[in-house]
């Protein structure tokens, strides 16, 4: 079945929302309408609809004029088997001893690897992105040098692939948290798929603001694969929740942002242990020197 999109932009939230409401009354009617602010500081809003029949371009032109919007751009999307497409894109990823894969690649597990199953439908944090891959490689290097952790926190866990990787190599108290309740559900689903529900505890929390996270501190290892702003804001909490001599693996940092993050963390008592760039992203291994 063909799918059509009709997209326009205009100034102002109120007008955009009103245009979105008006689009709902078109015939043929759209299967969905979205209204989003364009995050470039322009003040523009994007309004778009999806159609399973060719939209009425005359009616769209009338709406655009009525709401002072740019003319709608109508496009036909190619028919795509998105599950098959994602599966093709999500080839297995090797990060040292860790092997991240989907169930469609279960026959490709190398001998001696540590397998981490992440389904294509739960693709955020699969290891394909430079941030997650960097964290897995950083963990592998720490293990290679003999580091062991009995308490691990994965802050902003996404799929919980980092927490699962730690739980595969160490017995201990491992907790994964995310501010997004959907991410927590995804993390728990992945733990179930890997038969690891008892190995990692998942909680919904902003940073370390959860009783279980506070009760388990101090940690031997903290993952924080988020973004520059939250990493800087969390620096004091990461320090206070990490034992002296413990490690923090930080990512979600664009290469040009790495020095800013390092400066903040070094000022409060962290030392840089290692730094790795993968594509546009930097991963840092820092130590709490006390």
C-alpha atoms as a PDB file:
ATOM      1  CA  UNK A   1       0.000   0.000   0.000  1.00  0.00           C
ATOM      2  CA  UNK A   2       1.503   3.383  -0.970  1.00  0.00           C
ATOM      3  CA  UNK A   3       2.067   6.037   1.677  1.00  0.00           C
ATOM      4  CA  UNK A   4       2.072   9.780   1.028  1.00  0.00           C
ATOM      5  CA  UNK A   5       3.381  12.599   3.177  1.00  0.00           C
ATOM      6  CA  UNK A   6       2.355  16.263   3.107  1.00  0.00           C
ATOM      7  CA  UNK A   7       4.677  18.646   4.966  1.00  0.00           C
ATOM      8  CA  UNK A   8       4.787  22.389   5.554  1.00  0.00           C
ATOM      9  CA  UNK A   9       6.271  24.915   7.977  1.00  0.00           C
ATOM     10  CA  UNK A  10       4.910  28.078   9.552  1.00  0.00           C
ATOM     11  CA  UNK A  11       5.589  30.465  12.412  1.00  0.00           C
ATOM     12  CA  UNK A  12       3.984  30.092  15.818  1.00  0.00           C
ATOM     13  CA  UNK A  13       2.802  27.185  17.922  1.00  0.00           C
ATOM     14  CA  UNK A  14      -0.866  28.225  18.029  1.00  0.00           C
ATOM     15  CA  UNK A  15      -1.182  28.487  14.248  1.00  0.00           C
ATOM     16  CA  UNK A  16       0.674  25.218  13.761  1.00  0.00           C
ATOM     17  CA  UNK A  17      -1.594  23.342  16.168  1.00  0.00           C
ATOM     18  CA  UNK A  18      -4.676  24.835  14.529  1.00  0.00           C
ATOM     19  CA  UNK A  19      -3.408  23.785  11.104  1.00  0.00           C
ATOM     20  CA  UNK A  20      -2.802  20.272  12.449  1.00  0.00           C
ATOM     21  CA  UNK A  21      -6.393  20.142  13.715  1.00  0.00           C
ATOM     22  CA  UNK A  22      -7.672  21.332  10.326  1.00  0.00           C
ATOM     23  CA  UNK A  23      -5.694  18.630   8.527  1.00  0.00           C
ATOM     24  CA  UNK A  24      -7.528  15.981  10.554  1.00  0.00           C
ATOM     25  CA  UNK A  25     -10.758  17.014   8.752  1.00  0.00           C
ATOM     26  CA  UNK A  26      -9.390  16.594   5.216  1.00  0.00           C
ATOM     27  CA  UNK A  27     -10.764  14.049   2.766  1.00  0.00           C
ATOM     28  CA  UNK A  28      -9.166  11.673   2.104  1.00  0.00           C
ATOM     29  CA  UNK A  29      -8.273  11.867   5.762  1.00  0.00           C
ATOM     30  CA  UNK A  30      -4.714  11.401   6.970  1.00  0.00           C
ATOM     31  CA  UNK A  31      -3.795   8.344   9.012  1.00  0.00           C
ATOM     32  CA  UNK A  32      -1.752  10.575  11.279  1.00  0.00           C
ATOM     33  CA  UNK A  33      -0.855  14.250  11.777  1.00  0.00           C
ATOM     34  CA  UNK A  34       2.201  15.608  13.572  1.00  0.00           C
ATOM     35  CA  UNK A  35       3.069  19.110  14.809  1.00  0.00           C
ATOM     36  CA  UNK A  36       6.691  19.713  15.826  1.00  0.00           C
ATOM     37  CA  UNK A  37       8.871  22.705  16.614  1.00  0.00           C
ATOM     38  CA  UNK A  38      11.892  22.950  14.304  1.00  0.00           C
ATOM     39  CA  UNK A  39      14.832  22.861  16.735  1.00  0.00           C
ATOM     40  CA  UNK A  40      17.107  25.302  14.941  1.00  0.00           C
ATOM     41  CA  UNK A  41      16.148  28.519  16.711  1.00  0.00           C
ATOM     42  CA  UNK A  42      14.138  29.756  13.726  1.00  0.00           C
ATOM     43  CA  UNK A  43      10.796  29.777  15.544  1.00  0.00           C
ATOM     44  CA  UNK A  44       9.257  27.665  12.791  1.00  0.00           C
ATOM     45  CA  UNK A  45       6.938  24.707  13.317  1.00  0.00           C
ATOM     46  CA  UNK A  46       6.532  21.722  11.016  1.00  0.00           C
ATOM     47  CA  UNK A  47       3.108  20.276  10.340  1.00  0.00           C
ATOM     48  CA  UNK A  48       2.808  17.022   8.454  1.00  0.00           C
ATOM     49  CA  UNK A  49       0.376  14.272   7.655  1.00  0.00           C
ATOM     50  CA  UNK A  50       0.558  10.664   6.437  1.00  0.00           C
ATOM     51  CA  UNK A  51      -1.958   9.421   3.875  1.00  0.00           C
ATOM     52  CA  UNK A  52      -2.739   6.014   2.389  1.00  0.00           C
ATOM     53  CA  UNK A  53      -4.545   7.703  -0.513  1.00  0.00           C
ATOM     54  CA  UNK A  54      -3.275  10.547  -2.675  1.00  0.00           C
ATOM     55  CA  UNK A  55      -4.005  13.715  -0.666  1.00  0.00           C
ATOM     56  CA  UNK A  56      -6.122  16.534  -2.106  1.00  0.00           C
ATOM     57  CA  UNK A  57      -3.455  19.057  -3.075  1.00  0.00           C
ATOM     58  CA  UNK A  58      -6.029  21.800  -3.742  1.00  0.00           C
ATOM     59  CA  UNK A  59      -7.392  21.442  -0.215  1.00  0.00           C
ATOM     60  CA  UNK A  60      -3.836  21.462   1.155  1.00  0.00           C
ATOM     61  CA  UNK A  61      -3.079  24.665  -0.769  1.00  0.00           C
ATOM     62  CA  UNK A  62      -6.175  26.318   0.704  1.00  0.00           C
ATOM     63  CA  UNK A  63      -5.135  25.288   4.223  1.00  0.00           C
ATOM     64  CA  UNK A  64      -1.590  26.569   3.716  1.00  0.00           C
ATOM     65  CA  UNK A  65      -2.888  29.955   2.580  1.00  0.00           C
ATOM     66  CA  UNK A  66      -5.439  30.147   5.401  1.00  0.00           C
ATOM     67  CA  UNK A  67      -2.829  29.497   8.083  1.00  0.00           C
ATOM     68  CA  UNK A  68      -0.004  31.557   6.530  1.00  0.00           C
ATOM     69  CA  UNK A  69       2.076  28.426   5.957  1.00  0.00           C
ATOM     70  CA  UNK A  70       4.438  27.574   3.161  1.00  0.00           C
ATOM     71  CA  UNK A  71       2.931  25.447   0.362  1.00  0.00           C
ATOM     72  CA  UNK A  72       2.686  21.778   1.302  1.00  0.00           C
ATOM     73  CA  UNK A  73       5.263  19.439  -0.198  1.00  0.00           C
ATOM     74  CA  UNK A  74       3.589  16.143  -1.095  1.00  0.00           C
ATOM     75  CA  UNK A  75       5.742  13.025  -1.543  1.00  0.00           C
ATOM     76  CA  UNK A  76       5.078   9.349  -2.110  1.00  0.00           C
ATOM     77  CA  UNK A  77       7.146   7.080   0.119  1.00  0.00           C
ATOM     78  CA  UNK A  78       8.528   3.846  -1.332  1.00  0.00           C
ATOM     79  CA  UNK A  79       7.053   0.658   0.047  1.00  0.00           C
ATOM     80  CA  UNK A  80       9.554  -0.778   2.510  1.00  0.00           C
ATOM     81  CA  UNK A  81       9.634  -3.831   4.722  1.00  0.00           C
ATOM     82  CA  UNK A  82      10.983  -1.869   7.674  1.00  0.00           C
ATOM     83  CA  UNK A  83      11.677  -4.870   9.888  1.00  0.00           C
ATOM     84  CA  UNK A  84      13.730  -6.501   7.135  1.00  0.00           C
ATOM     85  CA  UNK A  85      15.430  -3.156   6.452  1.00  0.00           C
ATOM     86  CA  UNK A  86      16.405  -2.669  10.089  1.00  0.00           C
ATOM     87  CA  UNK A  87      17.649  -6.214  10.342  1.00  0.00           C
ATOM     88  CA  UNK A  88      19.893  -5.683   7.330  1.00  0.00           C
ATOM     89  CA  UNK A  89      21.234  -2.472   8.850  1.00  0.00           C
ATOM     90  CA  UNK A  90      21.778  -4.022  12.281  1.00  0.00           C
ATOM     91  CA  UNK A  91      24.560  -6.416  11.445  1.00  0.00           C
ATOM     92  CA  UNK A  92      26.255  -7.981  14.485  1.00  0.00           C
ATOM     93  CA  UNK A  93      28.778  -5.786  16.298  1.00  0.00           C
ATOM     94  CA  UNK A  94      31.961  -7.003  17.942  1.00  0.00           C
ATOM     95  CA  UNK A  95      33.476  -4.903  20.721  1.00  0.00           C
ATOM     96  CA  UNK A  96      36.396  -6.842  22.109  1.00  0.00           C
ATOM     97  CA  UNK A  97      34.956  -9.912  23.800  1.00  0.00           C
ATOM     98  CA  UNK A  98      31.358  -8.660  23.451  1.00  0.00           C
ATOM     99  CA  UNK A  99      29.126  -9.602  20.513  1.00  0.00           C
ATOM    100  CA  UNK A 100      25.898  -7.614  20.092  1.00  0.00           C
ATOM    101  CA  UNK A 101      23.371  -9.235  17.756  1.00  0.00           C
ATOM    102  CA  UNK A 102      19.701  -9.645  16.875  1.00  0.00           C
ATOM    103  CA  UNK A 103      17.892 -12.973  17.023  1.00  0.00           C
ATOM    104  CA  UNK A 104      18.051 -13.135  13.208  1.00  0.00           C
ATOM    105  CA  UNK A 105      21.856 -13.478  13.565  1.00  0.00           C
ATOM    106  CA  UNK A 106      21.841 -16.061  16.355  1.00  0.00           C
ATOM    107  CA  UNK A 107      23.677 -18.499  14.091  1.00  0.00           C
ATOM    108  CA  UNK A 108      26.641 -16.134  13.758  1.00  0.00           C
ATOM    109  CA  UNK A 109      27.922 -16.162  17.340  1.00  0.00           C
ATOM    110  CA  UNK A 110      31.732 -16.522  17.355  1.00  0.00           C
ATOM    111  CA  UNK A 111      33.295 -19.096  19.642  1.00  0.00           C
ATOM    112  CA  UNK A 112      34.293 -17.675  23.005  1.00  0.00           C
ATOM    113  CA  UNK A 113      32.367 -14.413  22.670  1.00  0.00           C
ATOM    114  CA  UNK A 114      30.116 -12.851  25.306  1.00  0.00           C
ATOM    115  CA  UNK A 115      26.732 -12.594  23.525  1.00  0.00           C
ATOM    116  CA  UNK A 116      24.329  -9.704  24.080  1.00  0.00           C
ATOM    117  CA  UNK A 117      20.967 -10.048  22.327  1.00  0.00           C
ATOM    118  CA  UNK A 118      19.267  -6.785  21.320  1.00  0.00           C
ATOM    119  CA  UNK A 119      16.258  -7.034  19.036  1.00  0.00           C
ATOM    120  CA  UNK A 120      15.907  -4.823  15.951  1.00  0.00           C
ATOM    121  CA  UNK A 121      12.712  -3.341  17.359  1.00  0.00           C
ATOM    122  CA  UNK A 122      14.747  -2.076  20.332  1.00  0.00           C
ATOM    123  CA  UNK A 123      17.516  -0.492  18.335  1.00  0.00           C
ATOM    124  CA  UNK A 124      18.622   2.420  20.523  1.00  0.00           C
ATOM    125  CA  UNK A 125      21.808   1.334  22.214  1.00  0.00           C
ATOM    126  CA  UNK A 126      22.604  -1.676  20.052  1.00  0.00           C
ATOM    127  CA  UNK A 127      26.341  -1.049  19.788  1.00  0.00           C
ATOM    128  CA  UNK A 128      26.129   0.320  16.247  1.00  0.00           C
ATOM    129  CA  UNK A 129      26.296   3.908  17.449  1.00  0.00           C
ATOM    130  CA  UNK A 130      29.776   5.250  18.245  1.00  0.00           C
ATOM    131  CA  UNK A 131      28.768   6.069  21.826  1.00  0.00           C
ATOM    132  CA  UNK A 132      27.569   2.592  22.818  1.00  0.00           C
ATOM    133  CA  UNK A 133      30.350   0.892  20.881  1.00  0.00           C
ATOM    134  CA  UNK A 134      32.879   3.146  22.597  1.00  0.00           C
ATOM    135  CA  UNK A 135      31.524   2.229  26.036  1.00  0.00           C
ATOM    136  CA  UNK A 136      31.653  -1.490  25.281  1.00  0.00           C
ATOM    137  CA  UNK A 137      35.236  -1.200  24.050  1.00  0.00           C
ATOM    138  CA  UNK A 138      36.152   0.830  27.134  1.00  0.00           C
ATOM    139  CA  UNK A 139      34.671  -1.864  29.361  1.00  0.00           C
ATOM    140  CA  UNK A 140      36.600  -4.516  27.458  1.00  0.00           C
ATOM    141  CA  UNK A 141      39.864  -2.628  28.044  1.00  0.00           C
ATOM    142  CA  UNK A 142      39.197  -2.352  31.784  1.00  0.00           C
ATOM    143  CA  UNK A 143      38.526  -6.087  31.990  1.00  0.00           C
ATOM    144  CA  UNK A 144      41.709  -6.756  29.997  1.00  0.00           C
ATOM    145  CA  UNK A 145      43.780  -4.854  32.560  1.00  0.00           C
ATOM    146  CA  UNK A 146      42.306  -6.924  35.408  1.00  0.00           C
ATOM    147  CA  UNK A 147      39.725  -4.510  36.768  1.00  0.00           C
ATOM    148  CA  UNK A 148      36.796  -6.082  38.621  1.00  0.00           C
ATOM    149  CA  UNK A 149      33.603  -4.449  39.820  1.00  0.00           C
ATOM    150  CA  UNK A 150      31.074  -5.713  42.327  1.00  0.00           C
ATOM    151  CA  UNK A 151      28.821  -2.641  42.110  1.00  0.00           C
ATOM    152  CA  UNK A 152      27.927  -1.085  38.744  1.00  0.00           C
ATOM    153  CA  UNK A 153      25.490   1.667  37.748  1.00  0.00           C
ATOM    154  CA  UNK A 154      24.367   2.278  34.165  1.00  0.00           C
ATOM    155  CA  UNK A 155      22.892   5.802  34.091  1.00  0.00           C
ATOM    156  CA  UNK A 156      20.764   6.579  31.033  1.00  0.00           C
ATOM    157  CA  UNK A 157      20.752   2.899  30.192  1.00  0.00           C
ATOM    158  CA  UNK A 158      18.637   2.787  27.002  1.00  0.00           C
ATOM    159  CA  UNK A 159      18.554  -0.904  26.097  1.00  0.00           C
ATOM    160  CA  UNK A 160      20.686  -1.741  29.169  1.00  0.00           C
ATOM    161  CA  UNK A 161      23.301  -3.315  26.904  1.00  0.00           C
ATOM    162  CA  UNK A 162      26.114  -1.845  29.037  1.00  0.00           C
ATOM    163  CA  UNK A 163      24.636  -3.130  32.288  1.00  0.00           C
ATOM    164  CA  UNK A 164      24.166  -6.543  30.675  1.00  0.00           C
ATOM    165  CA  UNK A 165      27.764  -6.572  29.472  1.00  0.00           C
ATOM    166  CA  UNK A 166      28.974  -5.892  33.006  1.00  0.00           C
ATOM    167  CA  UNK A 167      26.672  -8.560  34.417  1.00  0.00           C
ATOM    168  CA  UNK A 168      28.041 -11.104  31.948  1.00  0.00           C
ATOM    169  CA  UNK A 169      31.550 -10.770  33.365  1.00  0.00           C
ATOM    170  CA  UNK A 170      30.996  -9.932  37.053  1.00  0.00           C
ATOM    171  CA  UNK A 171      28.732 -11.188  39.816  1.00  0.00           C
ATOM    172  CA  UNK A 172      27.522  -8.287  41.891  1.00  0.00           C
ATOM    173  CA  UNK A 173      24.943  -5.572  42.332  1.00  0.00           C
ATOM    174  CA  UNK A 174      24.240  -4.010  38.928  1.00  0.00           C
ATOM    175  CA  UNK A 175      21.560  -1.391  38.462  1.00  0.00           C
ATOM    176  CA  UNK A 176      20.382   0.277  35.233  1.00  0.00           C
ATOM    177  CA  UNK A 177      18.385   3.497  35.221  1.00  0.00           C
ATOM    178  CA  UNK A 178      16.780   5.812  32.703  1.00  0.00           C
ATOM    179  CA  UNK A 179      14.666   8.944  32.941  1.00  0.00           C
ATOM    180  CA  UNK A 180      12.391   7.582  30.191  1.00  0.00           C
ATOM    181  CA  UNK A 181       9.855   4.960  31.385  1.00  0.00           C
ATOM    182  CA  UNK A 182       9.737   3.459  27.870  1.00  0.00           C
ATOM    183  CA  UNK A 183      13.506   2.924  27.985  1.00  0.00           C
ATOM    184  CA  UNK A 184      13.118   1.128  31.321  1.00  0.00           C
ATOM    185  CA  UNK A 185      10.527  -1.182  29.751  1.00  0.00           C
ATOM    186  CA  UNK A 186      12.855  -1.832  26.794  1.00  0.00           C
ATOM    187  CA  UNK A 187      15.736  -2.545  29.173  1.00  0.00           C
ATOM    188  CA  UNK A 188      13.655  -5.069  31.108  1.00  0.00           C
ATOM    189  CA  UNK A 189      12.516  -6.720  27.861  1.00  0.00           C
ATOM    190  CA  UNK A 190      16.129  -7.100  26.761  1.00  0.00           C
ATOM    191  CA  UNK A 191      17.112  -8.531  30.133  1.00  0.00           C
ATOM    192  CA  UNK A 192      14.311 -11.075  29.815  1.00  0.00           C
ATOM    193  CA  UNK A 193      15.416 -11.996  26.276  1.00  0.00           C
ATOM    194  CA  UNK A 194      18.937 -12.587  27.604  1.00  0.00           C
ATOM    195  CA  UNK A 195      17.652 -14.489  30.688  1.00  0.00           C
ATOM    196  CA  UNK A 196      19.242 -11.840  32.918  1.00  0.00           C
ATOM    197  CA  UNK A 197      16.280 -10.410  34.832  1.00  0.00           C
ATOM    198  CA  UNK A 198      17.842 -11.448  38.122  1.00  0.00           C
ATOM    199  CA  UNK A 199      21.275 -10.056  37.215  1.00  0.00           C
ATOM    200  CA  UNK A 200      20.355  -6.398  36.633  1.00  0.00           C
ATOM    201  CA  UNK A 201      17.807  -4.209  38.400  1.00  0.00           C
ATOM    202  CA  UNK A 202      16.089  -1.516  36.296  1.00  0.00           C
ATOM    203  CA  UNK A 203      14.693   1.706  37.774  1.00  0.00           C
ATOM    204  CA  UNK A 204      13.200   4.916  36.419  1.00  0.00           C
ATOM    205  CA  UNK A 205      15.263   7.847  37.649  1.00  0.00           C
ATOM    206  CA  UNK A 206      16.730  11.206  36.723  1.00  0.00           C
ATOM    207  CA  UNK A 207      20.440  10.806  37.378  1.00  0.00           C
ATOM    208  CA  UNK A 208      20.960   9.176  40.765  1.00  0.00           C
ATOM    209  CA  UNK A 209      17.617  10.303  42.161  1.00  0.00           C
ATOM    210  CA  UNK A 210      16.294   6.923  43.229  1.00  0.00           C
ATOM    211  CA  UNK A 211      16.485   5.154  46.621  1.00  0.00           C
ATOM    212  CA  UNK A 212      17.957   1.979  45.111  1.00  0.00           C
ATOM    213  CA  UNK A 213      20.714   3.895  43.331  1.00  0.00           C
ATOM    214  CA  UNK A 214      21.595   5.735  46.528  1.00  0.00           C
ATOM    215  CA  UNK A 215      21.484   2.565  48.626  1.00  0.00           C
ATOM    216  CA  UNK A 216      23.963   0.735  46.384  1.00  0.00           C
ATOM    217  CA  UNK A 217      26.564   3.519  46.358  1.00  0.00           C
ATOM    218  CA  UNK A 218      29.489   3.825  46.224  1.00  0.00           C
ATOM    219  CA  UNK A 219      30.005   2.090  42.868  1.00  0.00           C
ATOM    220  CA  UNK A 220      33.140   0.546  41.426  1.00  0.00           C
ATOM    221  CA  UNK A 221      32.053   1.478  37.897  1.00  0.00           C
ATOM    222  CA  UNK A 222      29.553   3.989  36.552  1.00  0.00           C
ATOM    223  CA  UNK A 223      28.443   4.194  32.921  1.00  0.00           C
ATOM    224  CA  UNK A 224      26.890   7.470  31.768  1.00  0.00           C
ATOM    225  CA  UNK A 225      26.178   7.366  28.036  1.00  0.00           C
ATOM    226  CA  UNK A 226      24.008  10.469  27.734  1.00  0.00           C
ATOM    227  CA  UNK A 227      24.873  13.963  26.406  1.00  0.00           C
ATOM    228  CA  UNK A 228      27.325  16.761  27.209  1.00  0.00           C
ATOM    229  CA  UNK A 229      24.882  18.913  29.195  1.00  0.00           C
ATOM    230  CA  UNK A 230      23.568  16.165  31.490  1.00  0.00           C
ATOM    231  CA  UNK A 231      27.098  14.750  31.910  1.00  0.00           C
ATOM    232  CA  UNK A 232      28.369  18.101  33.150  1.00  0.00           C
ATOM    233  CA  UNK A 233      25.360  18.548  35.423  1.00  0.00           C
ATOM    234  CA  UNK A 234      25.833  15.031  36.851  1.00  0.00           C
ATOM    235  CA  UNK A 235      29.584  15.365  37.467  1.00  0.00           C
ATOM    236  CA  UNK A 236      29.319  16.000  41.252  1.00  0.00           C
ATOM    237  CA  UNK A 237      26.815  13.139  41.670  1.00  0.00           C
ATOM    238  CA  UNK A 238      28.994  10.739  39.680  1.00  0.00           C
ATOM    239  CA  UNK A 239      31.948  11.673  41.871  1.00  0.00           C
ATOM    240  CA  UNK A 240      30.030  11.273  45.134  1.00  0.00           C
ATOM    241  CA  UNK A 241      28.605   7.901  44.071  1.00  0.00           C
ATOM    242  CA  UNK A 242      31.907   6.429  42.812  1.00  0.00           C
ATOM    243  CA  UNK A 243      34.397   4.885  45.204  1.00  0.00           C
ATOM    244  CA  UNK A 244      37.932   6.200  45.287  1.00  0.00           C
ATOM    245  CA  UNK A 245      39.862   4.315  42.627  1.00  0.00           C
ATOM    246  CA  UNK A 246      36.660   3.513  40.744  1.00  0.00           C
ATOM    247  CA  UNK A 247      36.062   4.221  37.079  1.00  0.00           C
ATOM    248  CA  UNK A 248      33.492   6.286  35.167  1.00  0.00           C
ATOM    249  CA  UNK A 249      32.908   5.529  31.482  1.00  0.00           C
ATOM    250  CA  UNK A 250      31.324   8.567  29.848  1.00  0.00           C
ATOM    251  CA  UNK A 251      29.980   8.965  26.333  1.00  0.00           C
ATOM    252  CA  UNK A 252      27.352  10.778  24.292  1.00  0.00           C
ATOM    253  CA  UNK A 253      30.062  13.410  23.775  1.00  0.00           C
ATOM    254  CA  UNK A 254      30.794  14.916  20.376  1.00  0.00           C
ATOM    255  CA  UNK A 255      34.533  15.041  19.676  1.00  0.00           C
ATOM    256  CA  UNK A 256      34.605  18.832  19.885  1.00  0.00           C
ATOM    257  CA  UNK A 257      32.879  18.709  23.296  1.00  0.00           C
ATOM    258  CA  UNK A 258      35.319  16.309  24.940  1.00  0.00           C
ATOM    259  CA  UNK A 259      37.675  18.970  26.328  1.00  0.00           C
ATOM    260  CA  UNK A 260      34.773  20.842  27.949  1.00  0.00           C
ATOM    261  CA  UNK A 261      33.605  17.671  29.697  1.00  0.00           C
ATOM    262  CA  UNK A 262      37.140  16.744  30.741  1.00  0.00           C
ATOM    263  CA  UNK A 263      37.737  20.204  32.200  1.00  0.00           C
ATOM    264  CA  UNK A 264      34.675  19.965  34.449  1.00  0.00           C
ATOM    265  CA  UNK A 265      35.500  16.463  35.662  1.00  0.00           C
ATOM    266  CA  UNK A 266      39.196  17.168  36.240  1.00  0.00           C
ATOM    267  CA  UNK A 267      38.326  20.214  38.354  1.00  0.00           C
ATOM    268  CA  UNK A 268      36.427  18.073  40.857  1.00  0.00           C
ATOM    269  CA  UNK A 269      38.947  15.237  41.201  1.00  0.00           C
ATOM    270  CA  UNK A 270      38.793  12.943  38.191  1.00  0.00           C
ATOM    271  CA  UNK A 271      41.818  11.857  36.186  1.00  0.00           C
ATOM    272  CA  UNK A 272      41.646  10.838  32.557  1.00  0.00           C
ATOM    273  CA  UNK A 273      42.585   7.211  32.075  1.00  0.00           C
ATOM    274  CA  UNK A 274      41.731   6.764  28.391  1.00  0.00           C
ATOM    275  CA  UNK A 275      40.011   8.595  25.560  1.00  0.00           C
ATOM    276  CA  UNK A 276      38.713   7.100  22.318  1.00  0.00           C
ATOM    277  CA  UNK A 277      37.081   8.659  19.274  1.00  0.00           C
ATOM    278  CA  UNK A 278      34.745   6.596  17.094  1.00  0.00           C
ATOM    279  CA  UNK A 279      33.358   8.626  14.220  1.00  0.00           C
ATOM    280  CA  UNK A 280      32.004  11.898  15.622  1.00  0.00           C
ATOM    281  CA  UNK A 281      31.844  10.631  19.211  1.00  0.00           C
ATOM    282  CA  UNK A 282      34.267  10.471  22.121  1.00  0.00           C
ATOM    283  CA  UNK A 283      34.262   7.996  24.997  1.00  0.00           C
ATOM    284  CA  UNK A 284      36.162   8.820  28.192  1.00  0.00           C
ATOM    285  CA  UNK A 285      37.427   6.525  30.945  1.00  0.00           C
ATOM    286  CA  UNK A 286      37.984   8.554  34.093  1.00  0.00           C
ATOM    287  CA  UNK A 287      39.166   7.561  37.577  1.00  0.00           C
ATOM    288  CA  UNK A 288      38.116   8.992  40.926  1.00  0.00           C
ATOM    289  CA  UNK A 289      41.377   9.933  42.611  1.00  0.00           C
ATOM    290  CA  UNK A 290      39.736  11.096  45.825  1.00  0.00           C
END
